[in-house]
């Protein structure tokens, strides 16, 4: 691992401050502890456990999550495999990229932990990730995967975290780990029918802005782990997602957009403004309310109906693209015909004057536009964990 001073970090720091336990959290913790004490081998019936994870405050604290997350993920903690050493995995083709991403994730670890412990956690995280993609060669590592893995590592420890990530990689994250992001991009489009059903005005505004779904990509790829500063919010969301169907992050995203509708309407209706707003999640999002809204939306709208709406959207986009290409082709033809008509004029007559009077302005303008776009998109892709 590189020395900490040599590591470039572009991720938000997680806040690990422990807030006092509320009366409601206290009551739920006691309820869960009693269920664990009364159950055989601490195994709570799955439907009961899912209900606990979905309802307000989730599994309350990491001591309970350490026991219950493996159960939610379908992991048998009595049949865990021995972890290989980092040296045994150094020949893996993804090794360098994984190490690079793990080095960039220092802010996802609790502040103030001893240097040796931090290095040990980084090594464990690297091994965990490489074990999964080595065991499943058909799965492709993506940047952001480490954000998910580090959360399970911090809560459950190396062996259990690996078992959970192995399970999730073949279920919830299987689309994200395909050869290309095509399936993931298509899945993100599920946001739009849900928003349209609930708030057509908001949907029309977002479509006119041409914002697309890039703002939501890191949310979906990392279960919001990359984009939130509050550790407590991250693990609460993981309670919810572990107890839910694999596409639930789509409905949480829709719930966030609906919640922020008045804020969105205040922005200029253009891609840059709206994307800039949406890609930064507020610190004070009422996640318990949002998760209730997400569950309501999931129950309310059939995935089959949403899929059909997405097909219509894709068809419209294709038709629009064809129309734009046809229009561009017609313009080129007109320009060609116009150029042919004016061939009697000597190029030498007007080219020097154009170069003197206008070309500098044109070149400068184009350079500025290209530079701004490059800078803007570079930062957005970095924010999404993509380089």
Foldseek 3Di string as FASTA:
>chain_A
DDDLVPADADFFFADPDDDDQDPVLVVLQVVLVVQQVPDDVSQHPLVVLLVQLLAPCRNVDLVSCLSCVCNLLVHDPVDWDDFDFLVVQCPPPCLVVLLNLLSNCLSHDDPPDDPVVSVVLSRLLSSLVSVLCVVPVQFADDQQLSLQLSLCCVRHNRRSSSRSSNSCCVFLCVQVRHPDVVSVLLLLLLLLVLLCVVPVVLSVLQVQQVQRRLLCLLCSSNVCSRQARYSSVSVSSVSNCSSDHSSLSSLLLSLQCVVCSVVQVVWDSHNLGNSVVSSHDDNPPPVSVSSVSSVVSPVPDDPVVSSVVSVVVVVVVVVVVVVVVVVVVVVVVVVVVVCVVPVVDDPVVCVVVCVVPPPVVVVVVVVVVVVVVVVSVVVSCVSSSHD
